[in-house]
Amino acid sequence: MAIYATGLTLADIARRLGGDQPILVDALTQGGGSPTFARIPMRQITGWVEPFTRIVGRPTVAWRRLGAYVAASKSERTPHSEGVFLLSGCSEVDKIRADRDPRGPTALRSEEAWSYLEALGHSLSQQFFYGGTSVCTTAASDGFDGMCARVVSVVSTYIQCSTGSTGDSVYAFKFGPGKFMGIYNVGPSGKLIEANDYGAIVDTDNTGSSASLNELYRTFFNAAFGVAQYHQLAVGRISGPASSLATIDFTNLYAGMEQKPDLFVTTWRGWGCISKMIEGKQSYPPGVTDYTPYAGFYDGIPIIVDNALIADAKMC
């Protein structure tokens, strides 16, 4: 599938780094991970914060009579900063169980590590859409703000066609420099994702008692990610499409974002509503039979179904 964006994606970066990075990125972003984040263009930043300025208002002009005066004004600009936050996980496998596996200890450790990376990816997607709060209105102290926090407010610069569950929303993104992209802080050894294998260790129980010991294989995973929305019209949202097909107003979404988006992301329920609208009008590359995580296209724009967008207590 083509990437309708400017910049390198997580997969692109992993391929350039080589080694174990493509495998780690696949586990983090595919399957039970974060298919959305895998396709957002990424840019490396120095440090942990990306500062930028966003234009929020234009200078005032007015018609005036000849010889009359006009009030001077200037554009309004708001300083912003996007933080990069650490995503971490620890994979542990009982040493005796791993050693006695007929496939050898590496097989069980690899399975556990892959599951942990998929869990990290799912957490990444949940943070991406929901942020760190259930009502999606305040910044998270331990992670970047989600899309819900960015588009929930009734502000003229955001698109919100109706009220409804975040889990039924259709999100639209306009990618590229100056619009919307992911940001990351490279690891100390130059890697996108750090996998620190500590091998076999002796560990105490949760109480720290030296009387309770166990032999484990332990691996730590660390990655630093964030999202940067440079332009106020780079993200759009159509909420509650499952409640009524009339709320899927792509024409107004295009107009509100000033141009067509590069990517749609929704749930399977949201895709169900979209597919009814465009039934019989889809086109897929010849020979392709598995579209996951791509569900299809609308107006040539790829649509991704992300399982992290679930209809639960996190409502906007």
Protein backbone atom coordinates (compact mmCIF):
# COMPACT_ATOMS: atom_id res chain seq x y z
CA MET A 1 0.00 0.00 0.00
CA ALA A 2 1.26 3.48 -0.80
CA ILE A 3 1.90 6.02 1.94
CA TYR A 4 0.06 9.25 1.21
CA ALA A 5 2.35 11.47 3.23
CA THR A 6 5.62 13.35 3.36
CA GLY A 7 8.39 12.02 5.54
CA LEU A 8 9.60 8.64 6.76
CA THR A 9 7.24 6.31 8.57
CA LEU A 10 8.20 4.08 11.48
CA ALA A 11 8.58 1.20 9.03
CA ASP A 12 10.84 3.27 6.78
CA ILE A 13 13.07 4.22 9.70
CA ALA A 14 13.27 0.63 10.88
CA ARG A 15 14.33 -0.60 7.44
CA ARG A 16 17.07 2.01 7.27
CA LEU A 17 18.36 1.08 10.71
CA GLY A 18 18.36 -2.62 9.83
CA GLY A 19 19.31 -5.30 12.33
CA ASP A 20 16.45 -6.23 14.63
CA GLN A 21 14.65 -2.91 14.19
CA PRO A 22 12.22 -4.02 11.43
CA ILE A 23 11.17 -7.00 13.56
CA LEU A 24 10.66 -4.83 16.64
CA VAL A 25 8.71 -2.21 14.69
CA ASP A 26 6.49 -4.87 13.08
CA ALA A 27 5.56 -6.24 16.50
CA LEU A 28 4.94 -2.74 17.84
CA THR A 29 2.82 -1.46 14.97
CA GLN A 30 1.18 -4.43 13.24
CA GLY A 31 -1.39 -7.02 14.29
CA GLY A 32 -2.33 -6.24 17.86
CA GLY A 33 -0.13 -3.15 17.86
CA SER A 34 -0.66 0.29 16.34
CA PRO A 35 -1.36 0.22 12.58
CA THR A 36 -2.20 3.93 12.65
CA PHE A 37 1.06 5.08 14.19
CA ALA A 38 3.05 2.88 11.80
CA ARG A 39 1.81 4.99 8.87
CA ILE A 40 2.20 8.47 10.31
CA PRO A 41 5.26 10.22 8.86
CA MET A 42 7.95 10.48 11.52
CA ARG A 43 10.68 13.02 12.14
CA GLN A 44 13.57 12.74 14.56
CA ILE A 45 14.02 15.63 17.00
CA THR A 46 16.83 16.60 19.30
CA GLY A 47 15.85 16.42 22.95
CA TRP A 48 12.42 15.74 24.36
CA VAL A 49 10.36 18.73 23.16
CA GLU A 50 9.48 20.09 19.72
CA PRO A 51 8.67 23.84 19.88
CA PHE A 52 6.71 25.53 17.09
CA THR A 53 4.40 28.48 16.45
CA ARG A 54 0.88 28.12 15.12
CA ILE A 55 -1.00 30.91 13.34
CA VAL A 56 -4.45 31.16 14.92
CA GLY A 57 -5.68 34.46 13.46
CA ARG A 58 -5.09 36.69 10.46
CA PRO A 59 -4.62 40.47 10.50
CA THR A 60 -7.77 42.55 10.25
CA VAL A 61 -8.57 44.47 7.06
CA ALA A 62 -11.63 46.58 6.31
CA TRP A 63 -13.26 48.70 3.62
CA ARG A 64 -12.98 52.40 4.33
CA ARG A 65 -14.04 55.66 2.80
CA LEU A 66 -11.45 57.80 1.05
CA GLY A 67 -9.61 59.86 3.65
CA ALA A 68 -10.90 57.73 6.54
CA TYR A 69 -8.68 55.79 8.91
CA VAL A 70 -8.22 52.07 9.40
CA ALA A 71 -7.19 50.37 12.63
CA ALA A 72 -3.82 48.61 12.54
CA SER A 73 -3.65 44.96 13.48
CA LYS A 74 -1.38 41.94 13.23
CA SER A 75 -1.73 38.21 12.95
CA GLU A 76 -2.17 36.12 16.06
CA ARG A 77 0.40 33.43 16.71
CA THR A 78 0.45 30.96 19.58
CA PRO A 79 3.60 29.17 20.74
CA HIS A 80 3.20 25.43 21.22
CA SER A 81 5.43 22.56 22.19
CA GLU A 82 5.03 18.84 21.58
CA GLY A 83 6.65 16.52 24.07
CA VAL A 84 8.26 13.16 23.40
CA PHE A 85 7.43 10.52 25.99
CA LEU A 86 9.00 7.19 26.86
CA LEU A 87 7.10 4.00 26.09
CA SER A 88 8.51 1.04 28.03
CA GLY A 89 7.81 -2.59 28.81
CA CYS A 90 9.54 -5.50 30.49
CA SER A 91 9.27 -9.06 29.18
CA GLU A 92 9.98 -11.84 31.67
CA VAL A 93 10.01 -15.60 31.15
CA ASP A 94 10.59 -18.28 33.77
CA LYS A 95 14.07 -19.67 33.03
CA ILE A 96 13.29 -23.30 33.86
CA ARG A 97 10.17 -23.29 31.69
CA ALA A 98 12.05 -21.70 28.79
CA ASP A 99 15.04 -24.03 29.10
CA ARG A 100 12.82 -27.12 29.07
CA ASP A 101 10.82 -26.02 26.04
CA PRO A 102 11.47 -28.63 23.31
CA ARG A 103 12.02 -25.79 20.84
CA GLY A 104 14.74 -24.30 23.05
CA PRO A 105 14.68 -21.22 25.33
CA THR A 106 14.75 -18.72 22.46
CA ALA A 107 11.34 -19.73 21.10
CA LEU A 108 9.41 -19.03 24.31
CA ARG A 109 11.31 -15.80 24.94
CA SER A 110 10.56 -14.60 21.42
CA GLU A 111 6.85 -15.33 21.79
CA GLU A 112 6.69 -13.44 25.08
CA ALA A 113 8.70 -10.51 23.71
CA TRP A 114 6.44 -10.28 20.62
CA SER A 115 3.34 -10.23 22.82
CA TYR A 116 4.86 -7.48 24.95
CA LEU A 117 5.66 -5.37 21.91
CA GLU A 118 2.12 -5.80 20.60
CA ALA A 119 0.84 -4.64 24.00
CA LEU A 120 3.11 -1.61 23.75
CA GLY A 121 1.70 -0.88 20.31
CA HIS A 122 -1.87 -1.09 21.53
CA SER A 123 -1.02 1.27 24.41
CA LEU A 124 0.53 3.62 21.87
CA SER A 125 -2.68 3.69 19.82
CA GLN A 126 -4.86 4.23 22.88
CA GLN A 127 -2.67 7.16 23.92
CA PHE A 128 -2.78 8.46 20.37
CA PHE A 129 -6.56 8.69 20.28
CA TYR A 130 -7.61 9.02 23.91
CA GLY A 131 -4.70 10.72 25.66
CA GLY A 132 -4.30 10.06 29.34
CA THR A 133 -7.76 10.91 30.65
CA SER A 134 -11.20 9.34 30.37
CA VAL A 135 -12.89 12.55 29.26
CA CYS A 136 -10.16 13.52 26.79
CA THR A 137 -9.97 17.13 27.93
CA THR A 138 -6.68 17.54 29.79
CA ALA A 139 -3.06 16.75 29.03
CA ALA A 140 -1.60 13.49 30.23
CA SER A 141 1.37 13.72 32.56
CA ASP A 142 2.90 10.48 31.30
CA GLY A 143 2.12 10.61 27.59
CA PHE A 144 1.20 12.88 24.70
CA ASP A 145 -2.30 14.26 24.28
CA GLY A 146 -4.60 12.11 22.22
CA MET A 147 -6.61 13.11 19.16
CA CYS A 148 -9.72 13.25 21.30
CA ALA A 149 -8.22 16.05 23.37
CA ARG A 150 -7.26 17.92 20.21
CA VAL A 151 -10.65 17.87 18.51
CA VAL A 152 -13.17 17.58 21.34
CA SER A 153 -13.52 21.32 21.93
CA VAL A 154 -16.14 23.24 20.02
CA VAL A 155 -13.61 25.46 18.28
CA SER A 156 -13.88 26.80 14.78
CA THR A 157 -10.53 25.34 13.82
CA TYR A 158 -11.71 21.77 14.45
CA ILE A 159 -14.29 19.66 12.69
CA GLN A 160 -17.01 18.03 14.74
CA CYS A 161 -20.11 17.23 12.75
CA SER A 162 -22.07 15.82 15.68
CA THR A 163 -21.75 14.45 19.16
CA GLY A 164 -21.07 10.77 19.73
CA SER A 165 -18.75 8.12 21.05
CA THR A 166 -15.07 8.32 20.21
CA GLY A 167 -15.28 4.63 19.44
CA ASP A 168 -17.56 5.39 16.49
CA SER A 169 -15.57 8.33 15.17
CA VAL A 170 -13.87 8.68 11.81
CA TYR A 171 -10.60 10.58 12.12
CA ALA A 172 -8.95 12.33 9.20
CA PHE A 173 -5.32 13.42 9.02
CA LYS A 174 -3.40 15.75 6.75
CA PHE A 175 0.26 14.73 6.91
CA GLY A 176 3.50 16.48 6.16
CA PRO A 177 5.81 19.20 7.50
CA GLY A 178 3.83 22.03 9.01
CA LYS A 179 0.67 19.91 9.31
CA PHE A 180 0.75 16.69 11.32
CA MET A 181 3.42 14.09 11.92
CA GLY A 182 4.95 11.88 14.56
CA ILE A 183 8.15 12.80 16.32
CA TYR A 184 10.68 10.57 18.04
CA ASN A 185 13.87 10.79 20.07
CA VAL A 186 16.50 8.33 18.93
CA GLY A 187 17.92 5.88 21.47
CA PRO A 188 21.43 6.13 22.92
CA SER A 189 22.75 3.51 20.50
CA GLY A 190 21.08 5.14 17.50
CA LYS A 191 18.08 2.82 17.45
CA LEU A 192 14.40 3.64 17.17
CA ILE A 193 13.47 0.95 19.71
CA GLU A 194 15.86 -0.26 22.38
CA ALA A 195 15.68 -3.95 23.31
CA ASN A 196 17.94 -4.50 26.31
CA ASP A 197 18.40 -8.20 26.99
CA TYR A 198 19.54 -8.86 30.56
CA GLY A 199 19.71 -12.62 30.03
CA ALA A 200 19.21 -14.92 33.01
CA ILE A 201 18.86 -13.08 36.32
CA VAL A 202 17.85 -13.92 39.88
CA ASP A 203 14.82 -11.88 40.92
CA THR A 204 13.07 -11.39 44.27
CA ASP A 205 9.32 -11.33 44.73
CA ASN A 206 7.33 -8.09 44.73
CA THR A 207 8.00 -7.54 48.43
CA GLY A 208 11.73 -7.49 47.85
CA SER A 209 12.25 -10.35 50.24
CA SER A 210 15.55 -12.13 49.64
CA ALA A 211 13.92 -15.31 50.92
CA SER A 212 11.81 -15.54 47.74
CA LEU A 213 13.91 -15.92 44.62
CA ASN A 214 13.28 -16.92 41.01
CA GLU A 215 15.39 -17.29 37.88
CA LEU A 216 14.11 -15.28 34.93
CA TYR A 217 15.02 -14.24 31.43
CA ARG A 218 14.36 -10.49 31.26
CA THR A 219 14.22 -8.01 28.37
CA PHE A 220 13.40 -4.30 28.58
CA PHE A 221 11.91 -2.40 25.63
CA ASN A 222 12.09 1.40 25.37
CA ALA A 223 10.98 3.82 22.66
CA ALA A 224 10.41 7.58 22.73
CA PHE A 225 7.42 8.84 20.71
CA GLY A 226 5.19 11.87 20.38
CA VAL A 227 2.79 13.55 17.93
CA ALA A 228 3.02 17.07 16.56
CA GLN A 229 0.02 18.97 15.19
CA TYR A 230 1.53 22.07 13.62
CA HIS A 231 -1.58 23.22 11.77
CA GLN A 232 -4.97 23.60 13.42
CA LEU A 233 -6.74 22.08 10.41
CA ALA A 234 -4.48 19.04 10.10
CA VAL A 235 -6.86 16.81 12.06
CA GLY A 236 -10.56 16.33 11.46
CA ARG A 237 -13.17 14.16 13.12
CA ILE A 238 -16.62 12.94 12.16
CA SER A 239 -18.17 11.65 15.35
CA GLY A 240 -20.90 9.07 15.79
CA PRO A 241 -21.22 7.73 12.22
CA ALA A 242 -22.82 4.55 13.54
CA SER A 243 -25.81 6.53 14.80
CA SER A 244 -26.74 7.91 11.41
CA LEU A 245 -25.27 7.73 7.95
CA ALA A 246 -26.14 11.40 7.57
CA THR A 247 -23.31 12.34 9.94
CA ILE A 248 -20.68 11.03 7.51
CA ASP A 249 -20.38 14.35 5.75
CA PHE A 250 -17.11 14.06 3.88
CA THR A 251 -17.81 17.19 1.83
CA ASN A 252 -17.90 19.43 4.90
CA LEU A 253 -14.89 17.58 6.34
CA TYR A 254 -12.90 18.37 3.19
CA ALA A 255 -13.97 22.00 3.34
CA GLY A 256 -13.15 22.30 7.03
CA MET A 257 -9.69 20.83 6.56
CA GLU A 258 -9.16 23.08 3.52
CA GLN A 259 -8.25 20.06 1.39
CA LYS A 260 -8.56 16.30 1.20
CA PRO A 261 -6.94 14.38 4.06
CA ASP A 262 -4.23 11.75 3.54
CA LEU A 263 -5.65 9.07 5.83
CA PHE A 264 -8.88 8.01 7.55
CA VAL A 265 -8.87 5.97 10.77
CA THR A 266 -11.95 4.42 12.33
CA THR A 267 -13.36 1.36 14.07
CA TRP A 268 -14.95 -1.64 12.39
CA ARG A 269 -18.35 -0.07 13.20
CA GLY A 270 -17.28 3.15 11.52
CA TRP A 271 -15.97 1.22 8.55
CA GLY A 272 -19.26 -0.62 8.34
CA CYS A 273 -21.08 2.68 7.89
CA ILE A 274 -18.57 3.96 5.34
CA SER A 275 -18.64 0.74 3.34
CA LYS A 276 -22.43 1.01 2.99
CA MET A 277 -21.98 4.44 1.47
CA ILE A 278 -19.35 3.37 -1.03
CA GLU A 279 -20.50 -0.20 -1.68
CA GLY A 280 -19.57 -1.25 -5.17
CA LYS A 281 -17.30 1.78 -5.66
CA GLN A 282 -14.12 0.47 -4.02
CA SER A 283 -11.03 -0.56 -5.88
CA TYR A 284 -8.14 -2.64 -4.59
CA PRO A 285 -4.76 -3.41 -6.13
CA PRO A 286 -4.95 -6.50 -8.39
CA GLY A 287 -4.13 -9.71 -6.58
CA VAL A 288 -4.46 -8.26 -3.08
CA THR A 289 -6.75 -10.34 -0.89
CA ASP A 290 -5.80 -9.24 2.64
CA TYR A 291 -6.47 -5.57 3.26
CA THR A 292 -5.85 -5.56 7.02
CA PRO A 293 -5.12 -3.15 8.58
CA TYR A 294 -6.37 -1.25 5.53
CA ALA A 295 -10.10 -1.74 5.27
CA GLY A 296 -10.50 0.07 1.98
CA PHE A 297 -10.47 3.45 0.31
CA TYR A 298 -12.76 6.44 0.07
CA ASP A 299 -12.11 8.94 -2.71
CA GLY A 300 -8.65 7.40 -3.13
CA ILE A 301 -7.83 7.94 0.56
CA PRO A 302 -6.84 4.81 2.51
CA ILE A 303 -8.96 3.85 5.53
CA ILE A 304 -7.37 2.04 8.47
CA VAL A 305 -9.27 0.18 11.15
CA ASP A 306 -7.49 0.54 14.50
CA ASN A 307 -8.69 -1.74 17.29
CA ALA A 308 -7.49 0.77 19.89
CA LEU A 309 -10.48 2.92 18.92
CA ILE A 310 -13.02 1.07 21.01
CA ALA A 311 -16.40 2.27 22.23
CA ASP A 312 -15.98 2.22 25.98
CA ALA A 313 -16.15 4.66 28.89
CA LYS A 314 -13.78 7.03 27.12
CA MET A 315 -16.21 9.36 25.46
CA CYS A 316 -15.86 12.76 23.84
